[in-house]
Protein backbone atom coordinates (compact mmCIF):
# COMPACT_ATOMS: atom_id res chain seq x y z
CA MET A 1 -0.01 0.00 0.14
CA ALA A 2 1.28 3.29 -0.74
CA THR A 3 2.09 5.45 2.40
CA ALA A 4 2.37 8.96 3.48
CA SER A 5 5.97 10.53 3.34
CA ASP A 6 8.11 8.26 5.02
CA SER A 7 10.50 11.11 6.42
CA HIS A 8 7.35 12.23 8.41
CA LYS A 9 5.56 8.95 9.28
CA ILE A 10 6.16 6.89 12.32
CA ASP A 11 5.73 3.30 12.08
CA MET A 12 3.10 2.49 14.91
CA LEU A 13 2.73 -1.18 14.37
CA HIS A 14 6.38 -2.39 14.58
CA GLY A 15 9.34 -1.63 16.84
CA SER A 16 9.94 -0.42 20.29
CA LEU A 17 7.23 1.55 21.71
CA THR A 18 8.85 4.36 23.99
CA PRO A 19 10.84 5.98 21.06
CA ARG A 20 7.65 5.89 18.80
CA LEU A 21 5.52 7.33 21.40
CA LEU A 22 7.91 9.96 22.27
CA ALA A 23 8.57 10.84 18.50
CA PHE A 24 4.72 11.21 18.08
CA ALA A 25 3.88 13.06 21.22
CA ILE A 26 6.87 15.68 21.41
CA PRO A 27 5.73 17.44 18.16
CA LEU A 28 2.08 17.40 19.57
CA ILE A 29 3.17 18.83 22.87
CA LEU A 30 5.24 21.70 20.93
CA SER A 31 2.08 21.99 18.66
CA GLY A 32 -0.31 22.46 21.44
CA ILE A 33 2.10 25.05 23.22
CA LEU A 34 2.14 26.92 19.94
CA GLN A 35 -1.29 26.92 19.51
CA GLN A 36 -1.89 27.89 23.08
CA SER A 37 0.61 30.73 22.43
CA PHE A 38 -1.90 32.51 20.06
CA ASN A 39 -4.20 33.19 23.06
CA ALA A 40 -1.12 33.66 25.37
CA VAL A 41 0.48 36.19 23.00
CA ASP A 42 -2.92 37.97 22.76
CA VAL A 43 -3.19 38.10 26.58
CA ALA A 44 0.62 39.23 27.17
CA VAL A 45 0.43 42.08 24.58
CA ILE A 46 -2.92 43.46 25.80
CA GLY A 47 -1.89 43.06 29.41
CA ARG A 48 1.70 45.31 28.51
CA TYR A 49 -0.17 47.65 26.15
CA ALA A 50 -3.79 48.27 27.09
CA THR A 51 -5.87 47.91 30.38
CA SER A 52 -6.61 45.37 32.84
CA GLU A 53 -10.20 45.41 31.58
CA ALA A 54 -8.93 44.66 28.04
CA LEU A 55 -6.67 41.83 29.38
CA ALA A 56 -9.80 40.19 31.19
CA ALA A 57 -11.85 40.46 28.24
CA VAL A 58 -9.31 38.49 26.08
CA GLY A 59 -8.36 36.19 28.79
CA SER A 60 -11.67 35.17 30.08
CA ASN A 61 -12.93 34.12 26.75
CA GLY A 62 -11.22 30.70 26.79
CA PRO A 63 -13.94 28.55 28.35
CA LEU A 64 -16.63 30.21 26.00
CA ILE A 65 -14.53 29.55 22.87
CA ASN A 66 -14.06 25.70 24.00
CA ILE A 67 -17.64 25.16 24.46
CA LEU A 68 -18.58 26.31 20.97
CA VAL A 69 -15.67 24.25 19.18
CA ASN A 70 -15.20 21.05 21.18
CA LEU A 71 -18.02 19.29 19.52
CA PHE A 72 -16.09 19.48 16.14
CA ILE A 73 -12.63 18.76 17.85
CA GLY A 74 -14.17 15.58 19.42
CA ILE A 75 -15.35 14.53 15.71
CA SER A 76 -11.94 15.00 14.64
CA ILE A 77 -10.73 12.56 17.30
CA GLY A 78 -13.30 9.94 15.78
CA ALA A 79 -11.78 10.89 12.20
CA ASN A 80 -8.43 10.04 13.58
CA VAL A 81 -9.81 6.63 15.04
CA VAL A 82 -11.39 5.56 12.02
CA ILE A 83 -8.43 6.50 9.59
CA ALA A 84 -5.86 4.66 11.71
CA ASN A 85 -7.93 1.78 12.18
CA TYR A 86 -8.35 1.50 8.48
CA ILE A 87 -4.51 1.77 8.04
CA GLY A 88 -3.97 -1.06 10.37
CA ARG A 89 -6.42 -3.00 8.24
CA ARG A 90 -4.60 -2.04 5.07
CA ASN A 91 -8.07 -0.68 3.80
CA GLU A 92 -7.02 1.95 0.77
CA ALA A 93 -10.44 2.57 -0.42
CA GLY A 94 -11.69 3.23 3.37
CA ILE A 95 -8.87 5.65 3.78
CA ARG A 96 -9.89 7.60 0.47
CA LYS A 97 -13.27 8.08 1.59
CA CYS A 98 -12.31 9.03 4.98
CA ILE A 99 -10.09 11.94 3.86
CA SER A 100 -12.62 13.37 1.61
CA THR A 101 -15.28 13.35 4.22
CA VAL A 102 -12.87 14.99 7.02
CA ILE A 103 -11.86 17.80 4.77
CA THR A 104 -15.44 18.35 3.63
CA LEU A 105 -16.81 18.32 7.33
CA SER A 106 -14.14 20.57 8.53
CA LEU A 107 -15.28 23.32 6.12
CA ILE A 108 -18.82 22.79 7.14
CA SER A 109 -18.13 22.84 10.84
CA GLY A 110 -16.01 25.95 10.64
CA LEU A 111 -18.95 28.12 8.83
CA LEU A 112 -21.53 26.60 11.60
CA LEU A 113 -19.07 27.73 14.24
CA LEU A 114 -18.68 31.21 12.48
CA VAL A 115 -22.44 31.65 12.55
CA ILE A 116 -22.94 30.37 16.12
CA GLY A 117 -20.27 32.35 17.69
CA LEU A 118 -21.23 35.62 16.05
CA THR A 119 -24.79 34.95 17.26
CA LEU A 120 -24.28 33.74 20.87
CA SER A 121 -21.32 34.95 22.03
CA ARG A 122 -22.69 38.02 23.72
CA PRO A 123 -25.66 36.32 25.26
CA ILE A 124 -23.56 33.45 26.78
CA LEU A 125 -21.28 36.35 28.10
CA GLU A 126 -24.16 37.94 29.91
CA LEU A 127 -25.22 34.71 31.18
CA MET A 128 -21.94 34.07 32.82
CA GLY A 129 -22.24 37.61 34.53
CA ALA A 130 -19.33 39.31 32.73
CA PRO A 131 -18.91 42.87 34.41
CA MET A 132 -19.81 45.83 32.41
CA ASP A 133 -16.52 46.97 32.25
CA VAL A 134 -15.15 43.92 30.24
CA ILE A 135 -18.32 42.57 28.24
CA ASP A 136 -18.24 45.08 25.39
CA LEU A 137 -14.50 44.55 24.88
CA ALA A 138 -14.94 40.79 25.12
CA SER A 139 -17.91 40.86 22.46
CA GLU A 140 -15.43 42.89 20.45
CA TYR A 141 -12.72 40.50 20.51
CA LEU A 142 -14.85 37.24 19.77
CA GLY A 143 -16.81 39.13 16.85
CA ILE A 144 -13.38 38.88 14.86
CA TYR A 145 -12.09 35.94 16.56
CA PHE A 146 -14.89 33.68 15.08
CA LEU A 147 -14.18 34.92 11.68
CA GLY A 148 -11.13 32.72 11.68
CA MET A 149 -13.23 29.27 12.62
CA PRO A 150 -13.13 27.86 9.19
CA PHE A 151 -9.34 28.10 9.18
CA MET A 152 -9.20 26.56 12.63
CA MET A 153 -11.39 23.70 11.78
CA VAL A 154 -9.60 22.83 8.44
CA TYR A 155 -6.21 22.80 10.46
CA ASN A 156 -7.63 20.58 13.29
CA PHE A 157 -9.42 18.00 10.95
CA GLY A 158 -6.45 18.32 8.63
CA SER A 159 -3.93 17.45 11.55
CA ALA A 160 -6.29 14.53 12.60
CA ILE A 161 -5.48 13.07 9.19
CA MET A 162 -1.84 13.45 9.67
CA ARG A 163 -1.88 11.78 13.15
CA SER A 164 -3.82 8.88 11.83
CA MET A 165 -0.62 8.24 9.58
CA GLY A 166 2.07 8.91 12.22
CA ASP A 167 2.94 12.46 10.97
CA THR A 168 2.78 14.76 13.95
CA ARG A 169 5.84 16.95 12.69
CA ARG A 170 4.37 18.84 9.89
CA PRO A 171 1.46 20.24 11.58
CA PHE A 172 3.82 21.58 14.23
CA TYR A 173 5.93 23.20 11.44
CA ALA A 174 2.39 24.90 10.13
CA LEU A 175 1.98 26.09 13.42
CA ALA A 176 5.51 27.45 14.24
CA VAL A 177 5.12 29.68 10.97
CA ALA A 178 1.68 30.83 12.15
CA SER A 179 2.65 31.45 15.72
CA ALA A 180 5.75 33.75 14.58
CA ALA A 181 3.20 35.49 12.39
CA ASN A 182 0.64 35.82 15.33
CA THR A 183 3.14 37.40 17.25
CA GLY A 184 4.37 39.91 14.90
CA LEU A 185 0.88 41.01 13.94
CA ASP A 186 -0.18 41.27 17.43
CA PHE A 187 2.57 43.79 18.22
CA LEU A 188 1.93 45.44 14.72
CA PHE A 189 -1.78 45.97 15.30
CA VAL A 190 -1.82 46.66 19.34
CA ALA A 191 1.69 48.19 20.01
CA GLY A 192 2.21 49.90 16.83
CA MET A 193 -1.50 50.75 15.52
CA GLY A 194 -3.29 50.99 18.95
CA MET A 195 -6.15 48.71 17.90
CA GLY A 196 -6.45 46.85 21.22
CA VAL A 197 -8.85 43.67 21.50
CA SER A 198 -9.69 44.00 17.79
CA GLY A 199 -6.08 44.03 16.82
CA VAL A 200 -4.98 40.61 19.02
CA ALA A 201 -8.18 39.30 17.33
CA LEU A 202 -7.41 39.99 13.75
CA GLY A 203 -3.72 38.63 14.31
CA THR A 204 -4.98 35.38 15.34
CA VAL A 205 -7.42 35.19 12.39
CA LEU A 206 -4.83 35.79 9.88
CA ALA A 207 -2.53 33.33 11.77
CA ASN A 208 -5.03 30.50 11.68
CA GLY A 209 -5.37 30.91 7.93
CA ILE A 210 -1.54 30.38 7.66
CA SER A 211 -1.69 27.17 9.56
CA ALA A 212 -4.78 26.08 7.36
CA ALA A 213 -3.01 26.56 4.01
CA PHE A 214 0.04 24.57 5.09
CA ILE A 215 -2.17 21.57 5.91
CA ILE A 216 -4.37 21.74 2.85
CA LEU A 217 -1.30 22.01 0.70
CA TRP A 218 0.55 19.21 2.22
CA LEU A 219 -2.51 17.11 1.97
CA MET A 220 -2.88 17.97 -1.80
CA ARG A 221 0.76 16.60 -2.34
CA GLU A 222 0.43 13.32 -0.35
CA GLN A 223 0.58 9.94 -2.03
CA ASP A 224 -2.38 7.88 -2.79
CA PRO A 225 -4.62 6.91 -1.01
CA TYR A 226 -3.67 9.86 1.57
CA ARG A 227 -3.98 12.47 -1.12
CA PHE A 228 -6.84 15.08 -0.83
CA SER A 229 -8.29 16.60 -4.03
CA PRO A 230 -10.74 19.35 -4.00
CA ARG A 231 -12.52 17.65 -7.08
CA ARG A 232 -13.42 14.61 -4.85
CA MET A 233 -14.81 16.57 -1.96
CA ARG A 234 -17.87 14.79 -0.78
CA VAL A 235 -19.21 13.04 2.22
CA ALA A 236 -19.13 9.10 2.61
CA LEU A 237 -22.18 8.47 4.95
CA PRO A 238 -20.77 4.85 6.41
CA GLU A 239 -17.59 6.58 7.25
CA LEU A 240 -19.17 9.43 8.54
CA ARG A 241 -21.47 7.47 10.81
CA LYS A 242 -18.21 5.74 12.18
CA MET A 243 -16.44 9.05 12.86
CA LEU A 244 -19.60 10.54 14.48
CA ARG A 245 -20.13 7.58 16.61
CA ILE A 246 -16.52 7.91 18.35
CA GLY A 247 -16.31 11.90 17.82
CA VAL A 248 -19.72 13.02 19.18
CA PRO A 249 -19.43 11.61 22.51
CA ALA A 250 -15.89 12.86 23.01
CA GLY A 251 -17.07 16.21 21.55
CA MET A 252 -20.07 16.23 23.89
CA GLN A 253 -17.73 15.50 26.74
CA GLY A 254 -15.64 18.66 25.63
CA MET A 255 -18.60 20.61 25.35
CA VAL A 256 -20.02 19.66 28.85
CA PHE A 257 -16.71 19.95 30.57
CA SER A 258 -16.38 23.68 29.08
CA GLY A 259 -19.89 24.36 30.18
CA ALA A 260 -19.02 23.33 33.61
CA ASN A 261 -16.05 25.57 33.50
CA LEU A 262 -18.20 28.62 32.45
CA PHE A 263 -19.93 28.21 35.61
CA ILE A 264 -16.45 28.39 37.31
CA GLN A 265 -15.51 31.40 35.20
CA ALA A 266 -18.96 33.08 36.50
CA ALA A 267 -17.99 32.36 40.00
CA ILE A 268 -14.72 33.52 39.42
CA ASN A 269 -16.24 36.98 37.82
CA ALA A 270 -17.97 37.53 41.09
CA TYR A 271 -14.14 38.39 42.78
CA GLY A 272 -13.63 41.29 40.33
CA ALA A 273 -11.43 42.23 37.43
CA ASP A 274 -8.18 41.40 39.28
CA ALA A 275 -9.32 37.86 39.82
CA ILE A 276 -10.53 37.24 36.34
CA ALA A 277 -7.28 38.57 35.09
CA GLY A 278 -5.13 36.53 37.53
CA SER A 279 -7.03 33.52 36.69
CA ALA A 280 -6.70 34.09 32.99
CA ALA A 281 -3.06 34.42 33.19
CA SER A 282 -2.67 31.08 35.17
CA LEU A 283 -4.87 29.25 33.04
CA THR A 284 -2.64 30.00 30.25
CA TYR A 285 0.05 27.99 32.12
CA GLU A 286 -2.68 25.26 32.90
CA ALA A 287 -3.25 25.04 28.96
CA TYR A 288 0.31 24.64 28.09
CA CYS A 289 0.84 21.55 30.64
CA TYR A 290 -2.41 20.39 29.67
CA PHE A 291 -1.15 19.89 26.04
CA ILE A 292 1.42 17.42 27.51
CA ILE A 293 -1.57 15.34 28.75
CA ALA A 294 -3.34 15.94 25.28
CA ALA A 295 -0.39 14.74 23.31
CA PHE A 296 -0.21 11.31 24.98
CA SER A 297 -3.89 11.07 24.76
CA GLN A 298 -3.85 11.35 21.06
CA ALA A 299 -0.67 9.08 20.89
CA THR A 300 -2.80 6.65 22.88
CA VAL A 301 -5.73 7.04 20.22
CA ALA A 302 -3.51 6.61 17.23
CA PHE A 303 -1.56 3.79 18.75
CA VAL A 304 -4.40 1.71 20.10
CA SER A 305 -6.45 2.21 17.08
CA GLN A 306 -3.81 1.35 14.54
CA ASN A 307 -2.75 -1.75 16.58
CA TYR A 308 -6.36 -2.90 17.48
CA GLY A 309 -7.02 -2.93 13.78
CA ALA A 310 -3.88 -5.10 13.11
CA GLY A 311 -4.80 -7.43 15.97
CA GLN A 312 -1.92 -6.59 17.95
CA TYR A 313 -3.64 -6.39 21.15
CA GLU A 314 -0.53 -6.73 23.66
CA ARG A 315 1.11 -3.80 21.71
CA CYS A 316 -2.29 -1.86 22.68
CA ARG A 317 -1.88 -2.72 26.45
CA ARG A 318 1.59 -1.58 26.62
CA ALA A 319 1.16 1.64 24.64
CA VAL A 320 -1.49 2.70 27.05
CA ARG A 321 0.82 2.02 29.94
CA LEU A 322 3.67 3.79 28.73
CA CYS A 323 1.54 6.95 27.85
CA MET A 324 0.25 7.14 31.31
CA VAL A 325 3.45 6.87 32.91
CA LEU A 326 5.19 9.21 30.44
CA SER A 327 2.29 11.90 30.62
CA ALA A 328 2.15 12.11 34.35
CA VAL A 329 5.95 12.34 34.85
CA ALA A 330 6.39 14.99 32.21
CA THR A 331 3.24 16.93 33.49
CA LEU A 332 4.40 16.68 37.04
CA VAL A 333 7.94 18.12 36.18
CA ALA A 334 6.39 20.87 34.16
CA THR A 335 3.83 22.09 36.48
CA GLN A 336 6.34 22.00 39.72
CA LEU A 337 8.67 24.08 37.71
CA ILE A 338 5.98 26.77 37.03
CA ALA A 339 4.88 26.91 40.39
CA LEU A 340 8.21 27.12 41.86
CA ASN A 341 8.69 30.65 39.68
CA SER A 342 5.04 31.58 39.64
CA THR A 343 5.87 35.33 40.25
CA GLU A 344 8.07 35.74 37.39
CA CYS A 345 5.87 33.44 35.16
CA LEU A 346 2.88 35.59 35.91
CA SER A 347 4.60 38.89 35.55
CA LEU A 348 4.86 38.13 31.74
CA PHE A 349 0.95 38.88 31.86
CA SER A 350 0.77 41.81 34.04
CA THR A 351 2.57 43.68 36.55
CA ASP A 352 -0.36 44.60 38.84
CA PRO A 353 0.32 43.26 42.26
CA GLU A 354 -3.34 41.89 42.58
CA VAL A 355 -3.53 40.21 39.48
CA ILE A 356 -0.29 38.42 40.32
CA ARG A 357 -1.62 37.57 43.77
CA TYR A 358 -4.77 35.96 42.48
CA GLY A 359 -2.86 34.21 39.64
CA THR A 360 -0.53 32.86 42.27
CA MET A 361 -3.20 31.21 44.06
CA ARG A 362 -4.60 29.39 41.22
CA LEU A 363 -1.22 27.99 40.05
CA HIS A 364 -0.79 26.57 43.54
CA ALA A 365 -4.24 25.39 44.11
CA VAL A 366 -4.78 23.81 40.56
CA LEU A 367 -1.51 23.50 38.38
CA VAL A 368 0.61 21.39 40.97
CA PHE A 369 -2.20 18.70 40.78
CA GLN A 370 -2.64 18.70 37.09
CA PHE A 371 -0.80 15.63 36.65
CA LEU A 372 -3.66 13.66 38.20
CA ALA A 373 -5.65 14.28 35.03
CA CYS A 374 -3.61 11.64 33.28
CA SER A 375 -5.39 8.93 34.78
CA TYR A 376 -8.84 9.62 33.15
CA GLU A 377 -7.68 11.16 29.84
CA ILE A 378 -5.23 8.37 28.89
CA SER A 379 -7.67 5.66 29.98
CA GLY A 380 -10.47 7.28 28.00
CA SER A 381 -8.49 7.59 24.95
CA ALA A 382 -7.49 4.03 25.21
CA MET A 383 -11.27 3.36 25.18
CA ARG A 384 -11.79 5.51 22.10
CA GLY A 385 -9.09 3.97 20.03
CA LEU A 386 -10.98 0.68 20.59
CA GLY A 387 -14.41 2.39 19.36
CA ASN A 388 -15.94 3.00 22.77
CA SER A 389 -16.55 6.69 23.18
CA VAL A 390 -19.86 6.68 25.05
CA THR A 391 -18.47 5.02 28.62
CA PRO A 392 -15.45 7.60 28.99
CA MET A 393 -17.86 10.38 28.10
CA VAL A 394 -20.52 9.52 30.88
CA LEU A 395 -17.77 8.94 33.63
CA THR A 396 -15.96 12.10 32.67
CA VAL A 397 -19.23 14.15 32.61
CA PHE A 398 -20.07 12.73 35.96
CA GLY A 399 -16.98 12.92 37.58
CA THR A 400 -15.65 16.60 36.37
CA CYS A 401 -18.61 18.41 35.37
CA VAL A 402 -21.53 17.15 37.81
CA LEU A 403 -19.35 17.41 40.87
CA ARG A 404 -18.00 20.83 39.91
CA LEU A 405 -21.47 22.07 39.47
CA VAL A 406 -22.44 20.94 43.00
CA TRP A 407 -19.14 22.33 44.58
CA ILE A 408 -19.62 25.82 43.13
CA TYR A 409 -23.43 25.75 44.50
CA THR A 410 -22.75 24.33 47.81
CA VAL A 411 -19.23 24.74 49.10
CA ASN A 412 -18.46 28.02 47.35
CA ALA A 413 -21.75 29.50 47.99
CA ARG A 414 -21.52 29.09 51.52
CA PHE A 415 -17.65 30.07 52.06
CA HIS A 416 -17.04 32.31 49.17
CA ASP A 417 -13.25 31.68 49.19
CA PHE A 418 -11.39 31.94 45.96
CA THR A 419 -8.78 29.05 46.85
CA LEU A 420 -11.47 26.73 48.02
CA LEU A 421 -13.50 27.28 44.81
CA LEU A 422 -10.61 26.31 42.90
CA ASP A 423 -9.98 23.07 45.05
CA VAL A 424 -12.80 21.43 43.11
CA TYR A 425 -10.27 20.65 40.21
CA PRO A 426 -7.86 18.23 41.95
CA VAL A 427 -10.99 16.61 43.75
CA SER A 428 -12.87 16.01 40.57
CA TRP A 429 -9.62 14.64 38.88
CA VAL A 430 -9.13 11.90 41.60
CA ILE A 431 -12.85 10.83 41.45
CA THR A 432 -12.82 10.76 37.69
CA GLY A 433 -9.49 9.11 37.33
CA ILE A 434 -10.56 6.23 39.42
CA MET A 435 -13.80 5.65 37.59
CA VAL A 436 -12.27 5.89 33.97
CA VAL A 437 -9.34 3.91 34.93
CA TRP A 438 -11.46 0.84 36.40
CA ALA A 439 -13.79 1.03 33.13
CA TRP A 440 -10.65 0.83 30.77
CA LEU A 441 -9.54 -2.36 32.81
CA ARG A 442 -12.75 -3.97 32.32
CA MET A 443 -12.92 -3.06 28.89
CA ALA A 444 -9.40 -4.32 27.93
CA ARG A 445 -9.95 -7.60 29.38
CA ARG A 446 -13.03 -8.24 27.28
CA CYS A 447 -11.90 -6.81 24.09
CA PHE A 448 -8.21 -8.55 24.11
CA SER A 449 -9.49 -11.93 25.60
CA ARG A 450 -10.13 -13.34 21.97
CA PRO A 451 -7.23 -14.27 19.65
CA ALA A 452 -5.18 -11.68 17.69
CA GLY A 453 -6.44 -10.79 14.38
CA LEU A 454 -4.93 -9.78 11.35
CA THR A 455 -1.15 -10.05 12.42
CA ASN A 456 0.70 -11.75 15.01
CA GLN A 457 1.47 -9.85 18.36
CA SER A 458 4.40 -7.79 18.45
CA ASN A 459 7.29 -9.16 20.51
CA GLN A 460 9.26 -5.93 20.59
CA SER A 461 10.14 -4.44 24.04
CA ASP A 462 8.89 -1.27 25.29
């Protein structure tokens, strides 16, 4: 079977797992950092060259943006699983149909998000109780930001195609160029032209367009059956149903998760603009470290789905164990280093002592325990790699979302303490992790009990 460009592709079916998992995950970690840097640069430039209200307006929009885009990001995970499984089974016709379906779907979803975001962003901000000195600027930022949604979806869905082939490097290269462009445009529009929040939003839109253009160009130059051709853009319903069966529950989990965070953000809003700005600065570092977990989660999905398609069940088990350990250790190291240098890290976003104080409180209450999230993220990704996306969704929604809402309206309502409000994160991570790991162990025992399928088990060492 023709393959993707060999210089960029990782063989997930053969050889020692640890170096391959690292080679797969490290570009994803760097890509996540660069993708998050779009918002981080926006926050930093606004914090330095505009008001604290403008900083709060840009920094507090993360949960709102996430709740609107996570459904479609989840569907891209479903695309990753289906294509990777076809690769493991050497199904060329299925790969071709999936790629044309995925690109078509990315354009449709981007346009839908554009309309939804422009229509609903201000009403949601009002429901969140955004302060009057913040809401107009936040609406201005979102009005421009959502113009780039088609570009963002093309990049994310196209990157899912490349991940399924074992290629995580080229999406990183695209983001590196886009990130540099975003930084330059932010300084030009804000520091040079005084455009404020509209300037950073416009810079992000243009940068997203650059990354999307790279992905489309590379896919158009791929070898068959991975090549994308605009003339063959269509939706193959059987492949779409498979993607949706896995992707929609993952996306719904992300949406509900972000919805719960909207309620937490609304609770944070009650502490004022300094708390909003400090929390937004701290949240940037949480997002950076979370991309370590996300990278190994995506590695889990790709390696499990390909090897499951090839019948290499023991290799699936080892990949999950290694991803769990590698992600937890790497996340723990990163979060502790940031927490130990909290003042210096937060000073990059603001020099206001109150903003730094609130940001430090969040770093010490949330960030240092973030490695606990590896338990449910890796286990849930392993189940998705086997085609089960509903179980991790249900358990994660209950453990992280329902519990957080109960916490807000009981513990926080009674004591109204900023640190106590944030303690819900580590508590929910522990409870969710126990449930999802237990579910994965049961599912693995059931799915791997039958004889291996298409190929013999791999005997390579970890």
